Protein backbone atom coordinates (compact mmCIF):
# COMPACT_ATOMS: atom_id res chain seq x y z
CA UNK A 1 -2.63 -5.20 13.34
CA UNK A 2 0.99 -5.62 12.44
CA UNK A 3 2.58 -7.46 9.31
CA UNK A 4 5.66 -9.21 8.50
CA UNK A 5 5.46 -7.48 4.77
CA UNK A 6 3.72 -4.00 4.96
CA UNK A 7 5.49 -1.67 7.49
CA UNK A 8 2.99 1.23 7.01
CA UNK A 9 0.55 2.75 4.43
CA UNK A 10 -0.73 6.06 3.54
CA UNK A 11 -3.38 7.66 1.84
CA UNK A 12 -3.76 10.97 -0.17
CA UNK A 13 -7.56 10.74 -1.22
CA UNK A 14 -7.24 14.02 -3.45
CA UNK A 15 -4.59 11.97 -5.60
CA UNK A 16 -5.88 9.13 -5.41
CA UNK A 17 -2.24 7.93 -4.14
CA UNK A 18 -1.56 5.21 -1.89
CA UNK A 19 2.08 4.90 -0.48
CA UNK A 20 3.35 1.08 1.11
CA UNK A 21 6.38 1.12 3.58
CA UNK A 22 7.20 -2.76 3.26
CA UNK A 23 9.23 -4.44 5.87
CA UNK A 24 12.64 -4.31 3.71
CA UNK A 25 12.31 -0.49 3.21
CA UNK A 26 11.40 0.12 -0.06
CA UNK A 27 8.23 1.86 -0.38
CA UNK A 28 5.79 2.37 -3.79
CA UNK A 29 3.18 4.62 -4.94
CA UNK A 30 0.25 3.10 -6.01
CA UNK A 31 -2.01 5.62 -8.37
CA UNK A 32 -5.64 5.39 -8.78
CA UNK A 33 -6.31 3.78 -6.12
CA UNK A 34 -10.26 3.72 -4.61
CA UNK A 35 -10.92 5.51 -1.27
CA UNK A 36 -12.50 2.20 -0.23
CA UNK A 37 -9.95 -0.21 -1.17
CA UNK A 38 -6.92 1.73 1.04
CA UNK A 39 -9.39 1.56 3.71
CA UNK A 40 -9.66 -1.78 3.24
CA UNK A 41 -5.93 -2.70 3.28
CA UNK A 42 -5.60 -0.66 6.50
CA UNK A 43 -8.31 -2.51 8.21
CA UNK A 44 -6.88 -6.05 6.49
CA UNK A 45 -6.34 -8.76 9.10
CA UNK A 46 -3.61 -9.71 6.78
CA UNK A 47 -2.08 -6.97 5.03
CA UNK A 48 -0.01 -9.01 2.89
CA UNK A 49 -2.65 -11.29 1.54
CA UNK A 50 -4.85 -8.24 1.00
CA UNK A 51 -1.74 -6.15 -0.64
CA UNK A 52 -1.08 -9.11 -3.15
CA UNK A 53 -5.01 -9.81 -4.16
CA UNK A 54 -6.32 -6.35 -4.95
CA UNK A 55 -3.57 -3.87 -5.15
CA UNK A 56 -0.47 -5.48 -6.50
CA UNK A 57 -0.38 -5.61 -9.96
CA UNK A 58 -3.66 -4.18 -9.96
CA UNK A 59 -2.64 -0.33 -10.24
CA UNK A 60 0.05 1.76 -11.84
CA UNK A 61 2.93 2.36 -9.37
CA UNK A 62 6.35 3.13 -9.00
CA UNK A 63 9.69 2.65 -6.36
CA UNK A 64 10.32 6.23 -4.94
CA UNK A 65 12.81 5.42 -2.35
CA UNK A 66 14.11 3.53 0.34
CA UNK A 67 12.94 4.48 3.71
CA UNK A 68 15.59 5.52 5.45
């Protein structure tokens, strides 16, 4: 389902790294994210709500760039 906040989600299981591109073009990596959380995020009806409740401020992250 399209999101007004999240543009794309990528999960690298080998590194437990979740990369989130937001609609404002900011890109963040979240570290040590369990595969179950990443999967639930991808399948959430409201990605913004899920992100705010289950990911934001819960995992170490860093902004990696702005999408081109």
